[in-house]
Amino acid sequence: TGKNIAILGSGGVSSTVECIAKELNAKNIYRISRKPKQDYITY
């Protein structure tokens, strides 16, 4: 709650992590991918 979270990866587990982080009211959620793509940032 209230924390900045970085999720490494874009597979099935990462979507589960993101869902929980939203429900637990994370402050910011950064999704990280090796290659640039929509809604992700690079390492």
PDB file of all heavy atoms in Angstrom:
ATOM      1  N   THR A   1       0.824  -1.214   0.000  1.00  0.00           N
ATOM      2  CA  THR A   1       0.000   0.000   0.000  1.00  0.00           C
ATOM      3  C   THR A   1       0.862   1.270   0.000  1.00  0.00           C
ATOM      4  O   THR A   1       1.746   1.449   0.841  1.00  0.00           O
ATOM      5  CB  THR A   1      -0.922   0.012   1.227  1.00  0.00           C
ATOM      6  OG1 THR A   1      -1.697  -1.179   1.240  1.00  0.00           O
ATOM      7  CG2 THR A   1      -1.835   1.227   1.195  1.00  0.00           C
ATOM      8  N   GLY A   2       0.608   2.120  -0.981  1.00  0.00           N
ATOM      9  CA  GLY A   2       1.315   3.395  -1.059  1.00  0.00           C
ATOM     10  C   GLY A   2       2.751   3.298  -1.537  1.00  0.00           C
ATOM     11  O   GLY A   2       3.482   4.292  -1.510  1.00  0.00           O
ATOM     12  N   LYS A   3       3.158   2.128  -1.994  1.00  0.00           N
ATOM     13  CA  LYS A   3       4.548   1.924  -2.417  1.00  0.00           C
ATOM     14  C   LYS A   3       4.670   1.945  -3.944  1.00  0.00           C
ATOM     15  O   LYS A   3       3.716   1.659  -4.673  1.00  0.00           O
ATOM     16  CB  LYS A   3       5.066   0.569  -1.899  1.00  0.00           C
ATOM     17  CG  LYS A   3       5.016   0.401  -0.389  1.00  0.00           C
ATOM     18  CD  LYS A   3       6.041   1.267   0.308  1.00  0.00           C
ATOM     19  CE  LYS A   3       5.980   1.121   1.827  1.00  0.00           C
ATOM     20  NZ  LYS A   3       6.372  -0.220   2.280  1.00  0.00           N
ATOM     21  N   ASN A   4       5.860   2.277  -4.408  1.00  0.00           N
ATOM     22  CA  ASN A   4       6.182   2.169  -5.827  1.00  0.00           C
ATOM     23  C   ASN A   4       6.685   0.756  -6.109  1.00  0.00           C
ATOM     24  O   ASN A   4       7.635   0.289  -5.469  1.00  0.00           O
ATOM     25  CB  ASN A   4       7.251   3.191  -6.216  1.00  0.00           C
ATOM     26  CG  ASN A   4       6.757   4.618  -6.084  1.00  0.00           C
ATOM     27  OD1 ASN A   4       5.597   4.914  -6.387  1.00  0.00           O
ATOM     28  ND2 ASN A   4       7.619   5.511  -5.631  1.00  0.00           N
ATOM     29  N   ILE A   5       6.054   0.095  -7.056  1.00  0.00           N
ATOM     30  CA  ILE A   5       6.336  -1.310  -7.348  1.00  0.00           C
ATOM     31  C   ILE A   5       6.868  -1.446  -8.766  1.00  0.00           C
ATOM     32  O   ILE A   5       6.327  -0.834  -9.701  1.00  0.00           O
ATOM     33  CB  ILE A   5       5.062  -2.176  -7.223  1.00  0.00           C
ATOM     34  CG1 ILE A   5       4.317  -1.879  -5.925  1.00  0.00           C
ATOM     35  CG2 ILE A   5       5.382  -3.659  -7.357  1.00  0.00           C
ATOM     36  CD1 ILE A   5       5.084  -2.214  -4.681  1.00  0.00           C
ATOM     37  N   ALA A   6       7.910  -2.260  -8.938  1.00  0.00           N
ATOM     38  CA  ALA A   6       8.406  -2.587 -10.280  1.00  0.00           C
ATOM     39  C   ALA A   6       8.228  -4.083 -10.505  1.00  0.00           C
ATOM     40  O   ALA A   6       8.694  -4.899  -9.702  1.00  0.00           O
ATOM     41  CB  ALA A   6       9.876  -2.201 -10.430  1.00  0.00           C
ATOM     42  N   ILE A   7       7.539  -4.445 -11.587  1.00  0.00           N
ATOM     43  CA  ILE A   7       7.294  -5.846 -11.925  1.00  0.00           C
ATOM     44  C   ILE A   7       8.140  -6.198 -13.142  1.00  0.00           C
ATOM     45  O   ILE A   7       7.954  -5.642 -14.228  1.00  0.00           O
ATOM     46  CB  ILE A   7       5.803  -6.095 -12.233  1.00  0.00           C
ATOM     47  CG1 ILE A   7       4.933  -5.639 -11.052  1.00  0.00           C
ATOM     48  CG2 ILE A   7       5.555  -7.566 -12.543  1.00  0.00           C
ATOM     49  CD1 ILE A   7       3.448  -5.575 -11.397  1.00  0.00           C
ATOM     50  N   LEU A   8       9.071  -7.126 -12.970  1.00  0.00           N
ATOM     51  CA  LEU A   8       9.944  -7.531 -14.056  1.00  0.00           C
ATOM     52  C   LEU A   8       9.279  -8.646 -14.850  1.00  0.00           C
ATOM     53  O   LEU A   8       8.942  -9.692 -14.301  1.00  0.00           O
ATOM     54  CB  LEU A   8      11.295  -8.023 -13.521  1.00  0.00           C
ATOM     55  CG  LEU A   8      11.999  -7.147 -12.472  1.00  0.00           C
ATOM     56  CD1 LEU A   8      13.384  -7.722 -12.155  1.00  0.00           C
ATOM     57  CD2 LEU A   8      12.106  -5.707 -12.932  1.00  0.00           C
ATOM     58  N   GLY A   9       9.073  -8.415 -16.158  1.00  0.00           N
ATOM     59  CA  GLY A   9       8.490  -9.447 -17.005  1.00  0.00           C
ATOM     60  C   GLY A   9       7.095  -9.108 -17.477  1.00  0.00           C
ATOM     61  O   GLY A   9       6.421  -8.220 -16.938  1.00  0.00           O
ATOM     62  N   SER A  10       6.643  -9.869 -18.492  1.00  0.00           N
ATOM     63  CA  SER A  10       5.337  -9.578 -19.092  1.00  0.00           C
ATOM     64  C   SER A  10       4.492 -10.830 -19.309  1.00  0.00           C
ATOM     65  O   SER A  10       3.559 -10.823 -20.096  1.00  0.00           O
ATOM     66  CB  SER A  10       5.545  -8.867 -20.451  1.00  0.00           C
ATOM     67  OG  SER A  10       6.369  -9.653 -21.306  1.00  0.00           O
ATOM     68  N   GLY A  11       4.814 -11.910 -18.615  1.00  0.00           N
ATOM     69  CA  GLY A  11       4.080 -13.164 -18.776  1.00  0.00           C
ATOM     70  C   GLY A  11       2.858 -13.244 -17.886  1.00  0.00           C
ATOM     71  O   GLY A  11       2.388 -12.245 -17.327  1.00  0.00           O
ATOM     72  N   GLY A  12       2.339 -14.484 -17.746  1.00  0.00           N
ATOM     73  CA  GLY A  12       1.106 -14.696 -16.990  1.00  0.00           C
ATOM     74  C   GLY A  12       1.220 -14.305 -15.524  1.00  0.00           C
ATOM     75  O   GLY A  12       0.295 -13.723 -14.954  1.00  0.00           O
ATOM     76  N   VAL A  13       2.357 -14.602 -14.911  1.00  0.00           N
ATOM     77  CA  VAL A  13       2.522 -14.270 -13.493  1.00  0.00           C
ATOM     78  C   VAL A  13       2.582 -12.765 -13.295  1.00  0.00           C
ATOM     79  O   VAL A  13       2.056 -12.233 -12.316  1.00  0.00           O
ATOM     80  CB  VAL A  13       3.781 -14.936 -12.909  1.00  0.00           C
ATOM     81  CG1 VAL A  13       3.963 -14.546 -11.448  1.00  0.00           C
ATOM     82  CG2 VAL A  13       3.690 -16.449 -13.014  1.00  0.00           C
ATOM     83  N   SER A  14       3.201 -12.060 -14.220  1.00  0.00           N
ATOM     84  CA  SER A  14       3.323 -10.602 -14.059  1.00  0.00           C
ATOM     85  C   SER A  14       1.961  -9.925 -14.056  1.00  0.00           C
ATOM     86  O   SER A  14       1.745  -8.932 -13.337  1.00  0.00           O
ATOM     87  CB  SER A  14       4.206 -10.013 -15.166  1.00  0.00           C
ATOM     88  OG  SER A  14       3.601 -10.137 -16.428  1.00  0.00           O
ATOM     89  N   SER A  15       1.013 -10.461 -14.840  1.00  0.00           N
ATOM     90  CA  SER A  15      -0.330  -9.868 -14.837  1.00  0.00           C
ATOM     91  C   SER A  15      -1.037 -10.127 -13.510  1.00  0.00           C
ATOM     92  O   SER A  15      -1.814  -9.294 -13.028  1.00  0.00           O
ATOM     93  CB  SER A  15      -1.166 -10.420 -15.995  1.00  0.00           C
ATOM     94  OG  SER A  15      -1.341 -11.816 -15.894  1.00  0.00           O
ATOM     95  N   THR A  16      -0.738 -11.264 -12.891  1.00  0.00           N
ATOM     96  CA  THR A  16      -1.283 -11.557 -11.559  1.00  0.00           C
ATOM     97  C   THR A  16      -0.706 -10.609 -10.524  1.00  0.00           C
ATOM     98  O   THR A  16      -1.421 -10.069  -9.676  1.00  0.00           O
ATOM     99  CB  THR A  16      -0.967 -13.016 -11.169  1.00  0.00           C
ATOM    100  OG1 THR A  16      -1.571 -13.902 -12.115  1.00  0.00           O
ATOM    101  CG2 THR A  16      -1.489 -13.333  -9.775  1.00  0.00           C
ATOM    102  N   VAL A  17       0.602 -10.381 -10.602  1.00  0.00           N
ATOM    103  CA  VAL A  17       1.262  -9.449  -9.679  1.00  0.00           C
ATOM    104  C   VAL A  17       0.675  -8.050  -9.833  1.00  0.00           C
ATOM    105  O   VAL A  17       0.370  -7.369  -8.838  1.00  0.00           O
ATOM    106  CB  VAL A  17       2.787  -9.412  -9.932  1.00  0.00           C
ATOM    107  CG1 VAL A  17       3.444  -8.385  -9.013  1.00  0.00           C
ATOM    108  CG2 VAL A  17       3.409 -10.783  -9.718  1.00  0.00           C
ATOM    109  N   GLU A  18       0.491  -7.621 -11.059  1.00  0.00           N
ATOM    110  CA  GLU A  18      -0.053  -6.282 -11.307  1.00  0.00           C
ATOM    111  C   GLU A  18      -1.467  -6.145 -10.736  1.00  0.00           C
ATOM    112  O   GLU A  18      -1.809  -5.126 -10.113  1.00  0.00           O
ATOM    113  CB  GLU A  18      -0.074  -5.994 -12.802  1.00  0.00           C
ATOM    114  CG  GLU A  18      -0.575  -4.592 -13.127  1.00  0.00           C
ATOM    115  CD  GLU A  18      -0.707  -4.356 -14.610  1.00  0.00           C
ATOM    116  OE1 GLU A  18      -0.544  -5.298 -15.402  1.00  0.00           O
ATOM    117  OE2 GLU A  18      -0.991  -3.190 -14.988  1.00  0.00           O
ATOM    118  N   CYS A  19      -2.280  -7.155 -10.925  1.00  0.00           N
ATOM    119  CA  CYS A  19      -3.652  -7.128 -10.421  1.00  0.00           C
ATOM    120  C   CYS A  19      -3.672  -6.967  -8.896  1.00  0.00           C
ATOM    121  O   CYS A  19      -4.415  -6.147  -8.353  1.00  0.00           O
ATOM    122  CB  CYS A  19      -4.369  -8.412 -10.832  1.00  0.00           C
ATOM    123  SG  CYS A  19      -6.085  -8.504 -10.304  1.00  0.00           S
ATOM    124  N   ILE A  20      -2.830  -7.733  -8.221  1.00  0.00           N
ATOM    125  CA  ILE A  20      -2.763  -7.652  -6.755  1.00  0.00           C
ATOM    126  C   ILE A  20      -2.238  -6.289  -6.314  1.00  0.00           C
ATOM    127  O   ILE A  20      -2.752  -5.685  -5.362  1.00  0.00           O
ATOM    128  CB  ILE A  20      -1.883  -8.782  -6.200  1.00  0.00           C
ATOM    129  CG1 ILE A  20      -2.551 -10.138  -6.440  1.00  0.00           C
ATOM    130  CG2 ILE A  20      -1.613  -8.583  -4.708  1.00  0.00           C
ATOM    131  CD1 ILE A  20      -1.689 -11.323  -6.074  1.00  0.00           C
ATOM    132  N   ALA A  21      -1.209  -5.799  -7.000  1.00  0.00           N
ATOM    133  CA  ALA A  21      -0.641  -4.501  -6.633  1.00  0.00           C
ATOM    134  C   ALA A  21      -1.683  -3.391  -6.732  1.00  0.00           C
ATOM    135  O   ALA A  21      -1.738  -2.486  -5.887  1.00  0.00           O
ATOM    136  CB  ALA A  21       0.562  -4.197  -7.529  1.00  0.00           C
ATOM    137  N   LYS A  22      -2.525  -3.463  -7.748  1.00  0.00           N
ATOM    138  CA  LYS A  22      -3.598  -2.475  -7.886  1.00  0.00           C
ATOM    139  C   LYS A  22      -4.611  -2.600  -6.750  1.00  0.00           C
ATOM    140  O   LYS A  22      -5.037  -1.602  -6.165  1.00  0.00           O
ATOM    141  CB  LYS A  22      -4.291  -2.639  -9.235  1.00  0.00           C
ATOM    142  CG  LYS A  22      -3.469  -2.164 -10.423  1.00  0.00           C
ATOM    143  CD  LYS A  22      -4.206  -2.401 -11.733  1.00  0.00           C
ATOM    144  CE  LYS A  22      -3.404  -1.890 -12.927  1.00  0.00           C
ATOM    145  NZ  LYS A  22      -4.086  -2.168 -14.221  1.00  0.00           N
ATOM    146  N   GLU A  23      -5.000  -3.824  -6.447  1.00  0.00           N
ATOM    147  CA  GLU A  23      -5.991  -4.040  -5.392  1.00  0.00           C
ATOM    148  C   GLU A  23      -5.475  -3.623  -4.021  1.00  0.00           C
ATOM    149  O   GLU A  23      -6.253  -3.214  -3.157  1.00  0.00           O
ATOM    150  CB  GLU A  23      -6.403  -5.508  -5.373  1.00  0.00           C
ATOM    151  CG  GLU A  23      -7.219  -5.918  -6.599  1.00  0.00           C
ATOM    152  CD  GLU A  23      -7.637  -7.370  -6.563  1.00  0.00           C
ATOM    153  OE1 GLU A  23      -7.264  -8.074  -5.603  1.00  0.00           O
ATOM    154  OE2 GLU A  23      -8.329  -7.809  -7.505  1.00  0.00           O
ATOM    155  N   LEU A  24      -4.152  -3.741  -3.830  1.00  0.00           N
ATOM    156  CA  LEU A  24      -3.559  -3.359  -2.550  1.00  0.00           C
ATOM    157  C   LEU A  24      -3.123  -1.896  -2.528  1.00  0.00           C
ATOM    158  O   LEU A  24      -2.414  -1.469  -1.618  1.00  0.00           O
ATOM    159  CB  LEU A  24      -2.373  -4.267  -2.231  1.00  0.00           C
ATOM    160  CG  LEU A  24      -2.725  -5.748  -1.992  1.00  0.00           C
ATOM    161  CD1 LEU A  24      -1.464  -6.566  -1.727  1.00  0.00           C
ATOM    162  CD2 LEU A  24      -3.708  -5.911  -0.841  1.00  0.00           C
ATOM    163  N   ASN A  25      -3.543  -1.154  -3.557  1.00  0.00           N
ATOM    164  CA  ASN A  25      -3.333   0.302  -3.610  1.00  0.00           C
ATOM    165  C   ASN A  25      -1.863   0.710  -3.634  1.00  0.00           C
ATOM    166  O   ASN A  25      -1.428   1.600  -2.885  1.00  0.00           O
ATOM    167  CB  ASN A  25      -4.048   0.988  -2.436  1.00  0.00           C
ATOM    168  CG  ASN A  25      -5.544   0.780  -2.482  1.00  0.00           C
ATOM    169  OD1 ASN A  25      -6.169   0.937  -3.532  1.00  0.00           O
ATOM    170  ND2 ASN A  25      -6.124   0.402  -1.351  1.00  0.00           N
ATOM    171  N   ALA A  26      -1.109   0.040  -4.497  1.00  0.00           N
ATOM    172  CA  ALA A  26       0.257   0.500  -4.739  1.00  0.00           C
ATOM    173  C   ALA A  26       0.208   1.909  -5.321  1.00  0.00           C
ATOM    174  O   ALA A  26      -0.729   2.270  -6.039  1.00  0.00           O
ATOM    175  CB  ALA A  26       0.975  -0.445  -5.689  1.00  0.00           C
ATOM    176  N   LYS A  27       1.207   2.704  -5.008  1.00  0.00           N
ATOM    177  CA  LYS A  27       1.212   4.091  -5.479  1.00  0.00           C
ATOM    178  C   LYS A  27       1.452   4.151  -6.981  1.00  0.00           C
ATOM    179  O   LYS A  27       0.672   4.739  -7.736  1.00  0.00           O
ATOM    180  CB  LYS A  27       2.299   4.873  -4.734  1.00  0.00           C
ATOM    181  CG  LYS A  27       2.341   6.352  -5.096  1.00  0.00           C
ATOM    182  CD  LYS A  27       3.418   7.071  -4.275  1.00  0.00           C
ATOM    183  CE  LYS A  27       3.465   8.546  -4.618  1.00  0.00           C
ATOM    184  NZ  LYS A  27       4.525   9.238  -3.830  1.00  0.00           N
ATOM    185  N   ASN A  28       2.550   3.579  -7.437  1.00  0.00           N
ATOM    186  CA  ASN A  28       2.877   3.497  -8.859  1.00  0.00           C
ATOM    187  C   ASN A  28       3.315   2.078  -9.188  1.00  0.00           C
ATOM    188  O   ASN A  28       4.011   1.437  -8.390  1.00  0.00           O
ATOM    189  CB  ASN A  28       4.017   4.462  -9.231  1.00  0.00           C
ATOM    190  CG  ASN A  28       3.587   5.909  -9.141  1.00  0.00           C
ATOM    191  OD1 ASN A  28       2.666   6.331  -9.833  1.00  0.00           O
ATOM    192  ND2 ASN A  28       4.253   6.679  -8.297  1.00  0.00           N
ATOM    193  N   ILE A  29       2.900   1.590 -10.339  1.00  0.00           N
ATOM    194  CA  ILE A  29       3.268   0.246 -10.769  1.00  0.00           C
ATOM    195  C   ILE A  29       4.017   0.366 -12.091  1.00  0.00           C
ATOM    196  O   ILE A  29       3.451   0.788 -13.102  1.00  0.00           O
ATOM    197  CB  ILE A  29       2.026  -0.654 -10.945  1.00  0.00           C
ATOM    198  CG1 ILE A  29       1.247  -0.739  -9.631  1.00  0.00           C
ATOM    199  CG2 ILE A  29       2.442  -2.050 -11.418  1.00  0.00           C
ATOM    200  CD1 ILE A  29      -0.113  -1.401  -9.777  1.00  0.00           C
ATOM    201  N   TYR A  30       5.290   0.007 -12.067  1.00  0.00           N
ATOM    202  CA  TYR A  30       6.105   0.028 -13.273  1.00  0.00           C
ATOM    203  C   TYR A  30       6.223  -1.394 -13.814  1.00  0.00           C
ATOM    204  O   TYR A  30       6.670  -2.297 -13.100  1.00  0.00           O
ATOM    205  CB  TYR A  30       7.505   0.574 -12.975  1.00  0.00           C
ATOM    206  CG  TYR A  30       7.518   1.983 -12.431  1.00  0.00           C
ATOM    207  CD1 TYR A  30       7.785   2.232 -11.088  1.00  0.00           C
ATOM    208  CD2 TYR A  30       7.265   3.067 -13.266  1.00  0.00           C
ATOM    209  CE1 TYR A  30       7.805   3.523 -10.580  1.00  0.00           C
ATOM    210  CE2 TYR A  30       7.275   4.369 -12.772  1.00  0.00           C
ATOM    211  CZ  TYR A  30       7.549   4.587 -11.432  1.00  0.00           C
ATOM    212  OH  TYR A  30       7.562   5.868 -10.933  1.00  0.00           O
ATOM    213  N   ARG A  31       5.818  -1.595 -15.046  1.00  0.00           N
ATOM    214  CA  ARG A  31       5.985  -2.898 -15.694  1.00  0.00           C
ATOM    215  C   ARG A  31       7.217  -2.821 -16.589  1.00  0.00           C
ATOM    216  O   ARG A  31       7.336  -1.911 -17.412  1.00  0.00           O
ATOM    217  CB  ARG A  31       4.739  -3.255 -16.488  1.00  0.00           C
ATOM    218  CG  ARG A  31       3.506  -3.438 -15.595  1.00  0.00           C
ATOM    219  CD  ARG A  31       2.309  -3.939 -16.371  1.00  0.00           C
ATOM    220  NE  ARG A  31       1.856  -2.948 -17.341  1.00  0.00           N
ATOM    221  CZ  ARG A  31       0.893  -3.166 -18.226  1.00  0.00           C
ATOM    222  NH1 ARG A  31       0.302  -4.351 -18.298  1.00  0.00           N
ATOM    223  NH2 ARG A  31       0.519  -2.226 -19.072  1.00  0.00           N
ATOM    224  N   ILE A  32       8.098  -3.797 -16.418  1.00  0.00           N
ATOM    225  CA  ILE A  32       9.412  -3.707 -17.050  1.00  0.00           C
ATOM    226  C   ILE A  32       9.570  -4.804 -18.102  1.00  0.00           C
ATOM    227  O   ILE A  32       9.252  -5.973 -17.865  1.00  0.00           O
ATOM    228  CB  ILE A  32      10.547  -3.867 -16.002  1.00  0.00           C
ATOM    229  CG1 ILE A  32      10.208  -3.115 -14.703  1.00  0.00           C
ATOM    230  CG2 ILE A  32      11.869  -3.411 -16.597  1.00  0.00           C
ATOM    231  CD1 ILE A  32       9.992  -1.636 -14.854  1.00  0.00           C
ATOM    232  N   SER A  33      10.075  -4.413 -19.261  1.00  0.00           N
ATOM    233  CA  SER A  33      10.322  -5.350 -20.345  1.00  0.00           C
ATOM    234  C   SER A  33      11.680  -5.054 -20.963  1.00  0.00           C
ATOM    235  O   SER A  33      12.169  -3.918 -20.905  1.00  0.00           O
ATOM    236  CB  SER A  33       9.233  -5.222 -21.423  1.00  0.00           C
ATOM    237  OG  SER A  33       9.512  -6.052 -22.532  1.00  0.00           O
ATOM    238  N   ARG A  34      12.294  -6.069 -21.555  1.00  0.00           N
ATOM    239  CA  ARG A  34      13.599  -5.855 -22.183  1.00  0.00           C
ATOM    240  C   ARG A  34      13.498  -4.933 -23.397  1.00  0.00           C
ATOM    241  O   ARG A  34      14.401  -4.164 -23.675  1.00  0.00           O
ATOM    242  CB  ARG A  34      14.198  -7.207 -22.605  1.00  0.00           C
ATOM    243  CG  ARG A  34      14.816  -7.976 -21.454  1.00  0.00           C
ATOM    244  CD  ARG A  34      15.358  -9.317 -21.907  1.00  0.00           C
ATOM    245  NE  ARG A  34      14.295 -10.202 -22.356  1.00  0.00           N
ATOM    246  CZ  ARG A  34      14.492 -11.445 -22.789  1.00  0.00           C
ATOM    247  NH1 ARG A  34      15.715 -11.926 -22.839  1.00  0.00           N
ATOM    248  NH2 ARG A  34      13.477 -12.199 -23.166  1.00  0.00           N
ATOM    249  N   LYS A  35      12.366  -5.035 -24.123  1.00  0.00           N
ATOM    250  CA  LYS A  35      12.181  -4.216 -25.308  1.00  0.00           C
ATOM    251  C   LYS A  35      11.068  -3.196 -25.074  1.00  0.00           C
ATOM    252  O   LYS A  35      10.073  -3.497 -24.419  1.00  0.00           O
ATOM    253  CB  LYS A  35      11.838  -5.099 -26.507  1.00  0.00           C
ATOM    254  CG  LYS A  35      12.939  -6.069 -26.882  1.00  0.00           C
ATOM    255  CD  LYS A  35      12.536  -6.932 -28.062  1.00  0.00           C
ATOM    256  CE  LYS A  35      13.639  -7.911 -28.436  1.00  0.00           C
ATOM    257  NZ  LYS A  35      13.245  -8.779 -29.574  1.00  0.00           N
ATOM    258  N   PRO A  36      11.219  -1.994 -25.608  1.00  0.00           N
ATOM    259  CA  PRO A  36      10.182  -0.963 -25.423  1.00  0.00           C
ATOM    260  C   PRO A  36       8.852  -1.408 -26.009  1.00  0.00           C
ATOM    261  O   PRO A  36       8.790  -1.939 -27.113  1.00  0.00           O
ATOM    262  CB  PRO A  36      10.749   0.236 -26.202  1.00  0.00           C
ATOM    263  CG  PRO A  36      12.201  -0.034 -26.341  1.00  0.00           C
ATOM    264  CD  PRO A  36      12.353  -1.523 -26.403  1.00  0.00           C
ATOM    265  N   LYS A  37       7.779  -1.243 -25.251  1.00  0.00           N
ATOM    266  CA  LYS A  37       6.437  -1.496 -25.764  1.00  0.00           C
ATOM    267  C   LYS A  37       5.432  -0.738 -24.913  1.00  0.00           C
ATOM    268  O   LYS A  37       5.762  -0.238 -23.829  1.00  0.00           O
ATOM    269  CB  LYS A  37       6.121  -2.987 -25.809  1.00  0.00           C
ATOM    270  CG  LYS A  37       6.246  -3.741 -24.504  1.00  0.00           C
ATOM    271  CD  LYS A  37       5.933  -5.222 -24.768  1.00  0.00           C
ATOM    272  CE  LYS A  37       6.086  -6.053 -23.527  1.00  0.00           C
ATOM    273  NZ  LYS A  37       5.743  -7.481 -23.760  1.00  0.00           N
ATOM    274  N   GLN A  38       4.208  -0.693 -25.395  1.00  0.00           N
ATOM    275  CA  GLN A  38       3.180   0.117 -24.751  1.00  0.00           C
ATOM    276  C   GLN A  38       2.955  -0.321 -23.309  1.00  0.00           C
ATOM    277  O   GLN A  38       2.857  -1.504 -23.008  1.00  0.00           O
ATOM    278  CB  GLN A  38       1.866   0.003 -25.533  1.00  0.00           C
ATOM    279  CG  GLN A  38       0.776   0.952 -25.045  1.00  0.00           C
ATOM    280  CD  GLN A  38      -0.471   0.867 -25.904  1.00  0.00           C
ATOM    281  OE1 GLN A  38      -0.544   0.067 -26.822  1.00  0.00           O
ATOM    282  NE2 GLN A  38      -1.450   1.696 -25.612  1.00  0.00           N
ATOM    283  N   ASP A  39       2.869   0.672 -22.419  1.00  0.00           N
ATOM    284  CA  ASP A  39       2.612   0.479 -20.989  1.00  0.00           C
ATOM    285  C   ASP A  39       3.764  -0.186 -20.240  1.00  0.00           C
ATOM    286  O   ASP A  39       3.599  -0.620 -19.096  1.00  0.00           O
ATOM    287  CB  ASP A  39       1.330  -0.333 -20.764  1.00  0.00           C
ATOM    288  CG  ASP A  39       0.098   0.364 -21.325  1.00  0.00           C
ATOM    289  OD1 ASP A  39       0.066   1.613 -21.287  1.00  0.00           O
ATOM    290  OD2 ASP A  39      -0.814  -0.328 -21.813  1.00  0.00           O
ATOM    291  N   TYR A  40       4.928  -0.316 -20.873  1.00  0.00           N
ATOM    292  CA  TYR A  40       6.110  -0.884 -20.222  1.00  0.00           C
ATOM    293  C   TYR A  40       7.263   0.104 -20.335  1.00  0.00           C
ATOM    294  O   TYR A  40       7.312   0.926 -21.246  1.00  0.00           O
ATOM    295  CB  TYR A  40       6.526  -2.201 -20.895  1.00  0.00           C
ATOM    296  CG  TYR A  40       5.655  -3.380 -20.544  1.00  0.00           C
ATOM    297  CD1 TYR A  40       4.433  -3.570 -21.191  1.00  0.00           C
ATOM    298  CD2 TYR A  40       6.040  -4.301 -19.576  1.00  0.00           C
ATOM    299  CE1 TYR A  40       3.615  -4.647 -20.879  1.00  0.00           C
ATOM    300  CE2 TYR A  40       5.234  -5.385 -19.266  1.00  0.00           C
ATOM    301  CZ  TYR A  40       4.023  -5.557 -19.922  1.00  0.00           C
ATOM    302  OH  TYR A  40       3.223  -6.625 -19.610  1.00  0.00           O
ATOM    303  N   ILE A  41       8.194  -0.006 -19.395  1.00  0.00           N
ATOM    304  CA  ILE A  41       9.454   0.710 -19.522  1.00  0.00           C
ATOM    305  C   ILE A  41      10.570  -0.334 -19.579  1.00  0.00           C
ATOM    306  O   ILE A  41      10.377  -1.490 -19.183  1.00  0.00           O
ATOM    307  CB  ILE A  41       9.700   1.705 -18.374  1.00  0.00           C
ATOM    308  CG1 ILE A  41       9.811   0.969 -17.019  1.00  0.00           C
ATOM    309  CG2 ILE A  41       8.606   2.753 -18.326  1.00  0.00           C
ATOM    310  CD1 ILE A  41      10.245   1.871 -15.874  1.00  0.00           C
ATOM    311  N   THR A  42      11.732   0.060 -20.064  1.00  0.00           N
ATOM    312  CA  THR A  42      12.855  -0.871 -20.169  1.00  0.00           C
ATOM    313  C   THR A  42      13.614  -0.920 -18.840  1.00  0.00           C
ATOM    314  O   THR A  42      13.420  -0.079 -17.954  1.00  0.00           O
ATOM    315  CB  THR A  42      13.821  -0.444 -21.275  1.00  0.00           C
ATOM    316  OG1 THR A  42      14.405   0.824 -20.920  1.00  0.00           O
ATOM    317  CG2 THR A  42      13.092  -0.322 -22.607  1.00  0.00           C
ATOM    318  N   TYR A  43      14.476  -1.902 -18.724  1.00  0.00           N
ATOM    319  CA  TYR A  43      15.298  -2.025 -17.516  1.00  0.00           C
ATOM    320  C   TYR A  43      16.209  -0.820 -17.343  1.00  0.00           C
ATOM    321  O   TYR A  43      16.457  -0.389 -16.213  1.00  0.00           O
ATOM    322  CB  TYR A  43      16.119  -3.322 -17.571  1.00  0.00           C
ATOM    323  CG  TYR A  43      15.257  -4.546 -17.379  1.00  0.00           C
ATOM    324  CD1 TYR A  43      14.699  -5.215 -18.469  1.00  0.00           C
ATOM    325  CD2 TYR A  43      14.970  -5.023 -16.104  1.00  0.00           C
ATOM    326  CE1 TYR A  43      13.893  -6.326 -18.288  1.00  0.00           C
ATOM    327  CE2 TYR A  43      14.163  -6.134 -15.919  1.00  0.00           C
ATOM    328  CZ  TYR A  43      13.624  -6.779 -17.015  1.00  0.00           C
ATOM    329  OH  TYR A  43      12.811  -7.866 -16.833  1.00  0.00           O
TER     330      TYR A  43
END
